[in-house]
Amino acid sequence: MDINVLDEVGENAQKYFRVTNRFIEEGVKNGAILVHSVQGKSRAPTFIIAYLIYREKMKLKDSLSTLREYVNEVEPNESFMQ
């Protein structure tokens, strides 16, 4: 799946959450999933965090902390965080 979302303030990543959550869920069910973006700091983590909030019912702060345990450089842009 290729999601064309810019890593810019004002960009709305939320409109993709439903489709990306389903895609990630299917990948998890099938045993493997790779979520990546150009630098791996903002866009990919945003979709992983959205999935954790959706599936695991985690709070934003907790999902961000959990992801940072694996990838220190995670820093979703301000628009994505909102």
N, C-alpha and C. Protein backbone atom coordinates (compact mmCIF):
# COMPACT_ATOMS: atom_id res chain seq x y z
N MET A 1 0.85 -1.17 0.00
CA MET A 1 0.00 0.00 0.00
C MET A 1 0.89 1.23 0.00
N ASP A 2 0.56 2.17 -0.80
CA ASP A 2 1.32 3.41 -0.90
C ASP A 2 0.38 4.57 -0.54
N ILE A 3 0.70 5.28 0.51
CA ILE A 3 -0.10 6.42 0.95
C ILE A 3 0.67 7.68 0.61
N ASN A 4 0.08 8.54 -0.19
CA ASN A 4 0.73 9.76 -0.61
C ASN A 4 0.33 10.90 0.34
N VAL A 5 1.07 11.00 1.44
CA VAL A 5 0.82 12.05 2.42
C VAL A 5 2.14 12.79 2.65
N LEU A 6 2.07 14.09 2.64
CA LEU A 6 3.27 14.90 2.83
C LEU A 6 3.55 15.07 4.31
N ASP A 7 4.80 15.15 4.67
CA ASP A 7 5.20 15.39 6.05
C ASP A 7 5.32 16.89 6.27
N GLU A 8 4.17 17.55 6.28
CA GLU A 8 4.12 19.00 6.41
C GLU A 8 3.03 19.39 7.39
N VAL A 9 3.27 20.48 8.10
CA VAL A 9 2.25 21.02 8.98
C VAL A 9 1.04 21.38 8.13
N GLY A 10 -0.13 21.00 8.59
CA GLY A 10 -1.36 21.24 7.84
C GLY A 10 -1.83 20.03 7.06
N GLU A 11 -0.97 19.04 6.88
CA GLU A 11 -1.36 17.81 6.17
C GLU A 11 -2.25 16.96 7.08
N ASN A 12 -3.28 16.35 6.50
CA ASN A 12 -4.24 15.55 7.27
C ASN A 12 -3.98 14.07 7.04
N ALA A 13 -3.26 13.44 7.98
CA ALA A 13 -3.00 12.00 7.88
C ALA A 13 -4.19 11.20 8.38
N GLN A 14 -5.03 11.81 9.19
CA GLN A 14 -6.15 11.10 9.81
C GLN A 14 -7.11 10.51 8.78
N LYS A 15 -7.24 11.13 7.64
CA LYS A 15 -8.17 10.62 6.63
C LYS A 15 -7.75 9.26 6.10
N TYR A 16 -6.52 8.83 6.37
CA TYR A 16 -6.03 7.52 5.93
C TYR A 16 -6.08 6.46 7.02
N PHE A 17 -6.41 6.84 8.26
CA PHE A 17 -6.31 5.91 9.38
C PHE A 17 -7.16 4.66 9.21
N ARG A 18 -8.35 4.79 8.71
CA ARG A 18 -9.22 3.61 8.57
C ARG A 18 -8.60 2.57 7.64
N VAL A 19 -8.12 3.02 6.50
CA VAL A 19 -7.54 2.09 5.52
C VAL A 19 -6.19 1.55 6.00
N THR A 20 -5.37 2.40 6.62
CA THR A 20 -4.07 1.92 7.10
C THR A 20 -4.24 0.99 8.31
N ASN A 21 -5.21 1.26 9.16
CA ASN A 21 -5.46 0.35 10.29
C ASN A 21 -5.86 -1.03 9.79
N ARG A 22 -6.72 -1.07 8.78
CA ARG A 22 -7.12 -2.37 8.21
C ARG A 22 -5.94 -3.08 7.56
N PHE A 23 -5.12 -2.32 6.85
CA PHE A 23 -3.95 -2.90 6.19
C PHE A 23 -2.97 -3.47 7.22
N ILE A 24 -2.68 -2.71 8.27
CA ILE A 24 -1.77 -3.18 9.31
C ILE A 24 -2.36 -4.40 10.01
N GLU A 25 -3.64 -4.36 10.30
CA GLU A 25 -4.29 -5.49 10.96
C GLU A 25 -4.17 -6.77 10.12
N GLU A 26 -4.38 -6.66 8.82
CA GLU A 26 -4.25 -7.82 7.93
C GLU A 26 -2.81 -8.34 7.93
N GLY A 27 -1.86 -7.42 7.92
CA GLY A 27 -0.46 -7.83 7.95
C GLY A 27 -0.11 -8.54 9.25
N VAL A 28 -0.61 -8.04 10.35
CA VAL A 28 -0.37 -8.68 11.65
C VAL A 28 -0.98 -10.09 11.65
N LYS A 29 -2.19 -10.22 11.13
CA LYS A 29 -2.85 -11.53 11.07
C LYS A 29 -2.05 -12.52 10.22
N ASN A 30 -1.42 -12.00 9.17
CA ASN A 30 -0.65 -12.86 8.27
C ASN A 30 0.79 -13.07 8.74
N GLY A 31 1.13 -12.48 9.86
CA GLY A 31 2.43 -12.74 10.47
C GLY A 31 3.52 -11.72 10.22
N ALA A 32 3.30 -10.75 9.35
CA ALA A 32 4.35 -9.77 9.08
C ALA A 32 3.77 -8.49 8.48
N ILE A 33 4.36 -7.38 8.85
CA ILE A 33 3.96 -6.10 8.28
C ILE A 33 5.18 -5.17 8.32
N LEU A 34 5.36 -4.39 7.29
CA LEU A 34 6.41 -3.39 7.24
C LEU A 34 5.75 -2.06 6.96
N VAL A 35 5.95 -1.12 7.86
CA VAL A 35 5.43 0.23 7.69
C VAL A 35 6.66 1.14 7.63
N HIS A 36 6.81 1.85 6.54
CA HIS A 36 8.00 2.69 6.40
C HIS A 36 7.66 3.98 5.67
N SER A 37 8.53 4.95 5.86
CA SER A 37 8.44 6.22 5.16
C SER A 37 9.87 6.66 4.84
N VAL A 38 10.01 7.81 4.22
CA VAL A 38 11.32 8.23 3.74
C VAL A 38 12.36 8.23 4.85
N GLN A 39 12.09 8.94 5.94
CA GLN A 39 13.04 8.99 7.05
C GLN A 39 12.62 8.11 8.23
N GLY A 40 11.38 7.68 8.24
CA GLY A 40 10.91 6.82 9.32
C GLY A 40 10.69 7.53 10.64
N LYS A 41 10.60 8.85 10.61
CA LYS A 41 10.47 9.61 11.85
C LYS A 41 9.08 10.16 12.09
N SER A 42 8.32 10.37 11.05
CA SER A 42 7.04 11.06 11.21
C SER A 42 5.86 10.30 10.61
N ARG A 43 5.88 10.08 9.30
CA ARG A 43 4.72 9.48 8.65
C ARG A 43 4.47 8.04 9.06
N ALA A 44 5.45 7.17 8.91
CA ALA A 44 5.25 5.76 9.30
C ALA A 44 4.87 5.64 10.77
N PRO A 45 5.59 6.32 11.68
CA PRO A 45 5.18 6.24 13.08
C PRO A 45 3.76 6.74 13.34
N THR A 46 3.33 7.73 12.58
CA THR A 46 1.97 8.25 12.74
C THR A 46 0.95 7.15 12.49
N PHE A 47 1.15 6.36 11.45
CA PHE A 47 0.21 5.29 11.13
C PHE A 47 0.31 4.13 12.12
N ILE A 48 1.50 3.87 12.63
CA ILE A 48 1.65 2.83 13.65
C ILE A 48 0.97 3.27 14.95
N ILE A 49 1.17 4.51 15.32
CA ILE A 49 0.53 5.05 16.53
C ILE A 49 -0.99 5.02 16.39
N ALA A 50 -1.49 5.40 15.22
CA ALA A 50 -2.94 5.36 14.99
C ALA A 50 -3.47 3.93 15.16
N TYR A 51 -2.71 2.97 14.68
CA TYR A 51 -3.11 1.56 14.83
C TYR A 51 -3.10 1.15 16.30
N LEU A 52 -2.07 1.51 17.03
CA LEU A 52 -2.00 1.16 18.45
C LEU A 52 -3.16 1.78 19.24
N ILE A 53 -3.51 2.99 18.90
CA ILE A 53 -4.64 3.64 19.57
C ILE A 53 -5.94 2.92 19.23
N TYR A 54 -6.09 2.57 17.97
CA TYR A 54 -7.30 1.88 17.50
C TYR A 54 -7.39 0.46 18.05
N ARG A 55 -6.35 -0.33 17.88
CA ARG A 55 -6.41 -1.75 18.19
C ARG A 55 -6.16 -2.06 19.66
N GLU A 56 -5.18 -1.40 20.23
CA GLU A 56 -4.78 -1.69 21.61
C GLU A 56 -5.42 -0.72 22.61
N LYS A 57 -6.17 0.25 22.10
CA LYS A 57 -6.84 1.25 22.95
C LYS A 57 -5.85 2.03 23.81
N MET A 58 -4.66 2.25 23.26
CA MET A 58 -3.62 2.99 23.97
C MET A 58 -3.88 4.48 23.87
N LYS A 59 -3.40 5.21 24.82
CA LYS A 59 -3.44 6.68 24.76
C LYS A 59 -2.30 7.13 23.85
N LEU A 60 -2.45 8.32 23.28
CA LEU A 60 -1.43 8.84 22.36
C LEU A 60 -0.05 8.84 23.02
N LYS A 61 0.04 9.37 24.20
CA LYS A 61 1.32 9.47 24.90
C LYS A 61 1.94 8.08 25.10
N ASP A 62 1.12 7.11 25.49
CA ASP A 62 1.63 5.76 25.73
C ASP A 62 2.07 5.08 24.44
N SER A 63 1.32 5.26 23.37
CA SER A 63 1.70 4.64 22.10
C SER A 63 2.99 5.25 21.56
N LEU A 64 3.15 6.55 21.73
CA LEU A 64 4.38 7.23 21.30
C LEU A 64 5.57 6.72 22.11
N SER A 65 5.40 6.58 23.41
CA SER A 65 6.47 6.06 24.27
C SER A 65 6.83 4.63 23.91
N THR A 66 5.81 3.81 23.65
CA THR A 66 6.05 2.42 23.27
C THR A 66 6.84 2.34 21.97
N LEU A 67 6.46 3.12 20.99
CA LEU A 67 7.16 3.10 19.71
C LEU A 67 8.59 3.59 19.86
N ARG A 68 8.80 4.60 20.73
CA ARG A 68 10.15 5.13 20.95
C ARG A 68 11.07 4.12 21.64
N GLU A 69 10.50 3.10 22.27
CA GLU A 69 11.33 2.05 22.85
C GLU A 69 12.06 1.28 21.74
N TYR A 70 11.48 1.27 20.56
CA TYR A 70 12.06 0.55 19.42
C TYR A 70 12.81 1.47 18.47
N VAL A 71 12.30 2.69 18.32
CA VAL A 71 12.90 3.65 17.40
C VAL A 71 12.96 5.01 18.10
N ASN A 72 14.14 5.38 18.58
CA ASN A 72 14.29 6.64 19.33
C ASN A 72 13.93 7.89 18.54
N GLU A 73 14.16 7.85 17.24
CA GLU A 73 14.02 9.04 16.40
C GLU A 73 12.58 9.41 16.05
N VAL A 74 11.61 8.66 16.55
CA VAL A 74 10.21 8.92 16.20
C VAL A 74 9.81 10.33 16.63
N GLU A 75 9.32 11.11 15.67
CA GLU A 75 8.89 12.48 15.95
C GLU A 75 7.83 12.91 14.93
N PRO A 76 6.57 12.46 15.11
CA PRO A 76 5.51 12.86 14.19
C PRO A 76 5.35 14.38 14.19
N ASN A 77 5.06 14.93 13.03
CA ASN A 77 4.90 16.39 12.97
C ASN A 77 3.65 16.82 13.74
N GLU A 78 3.60 18.10 14.05
CA GLU A 78 2.55 18.64 14.92
C GLU A 78 1.13 18.39 14.38
N SER A 79 0.95 18.51 13.09
CA SER A 79 -0.37 18.26 12.52
C SER A 79 -0.80 16.81 12.71
N PHE A 80 0.13 15.89 12.57
CA PHE A 80 -0.19 14.48 12.74
C PHE A 80 -0.54 14.18 14.19
N MET A 81 0.14 14.83 15.11
CA MET A 81 -0.11 14.59 16.53
C MET A 81 -1.49 15.08 16.95
N GLN A 82 -1.99 16.09 16.29
CA GLN A 82 -3.31 16.60 16.64
C GLN A 82 -4.38 15.75 16.04
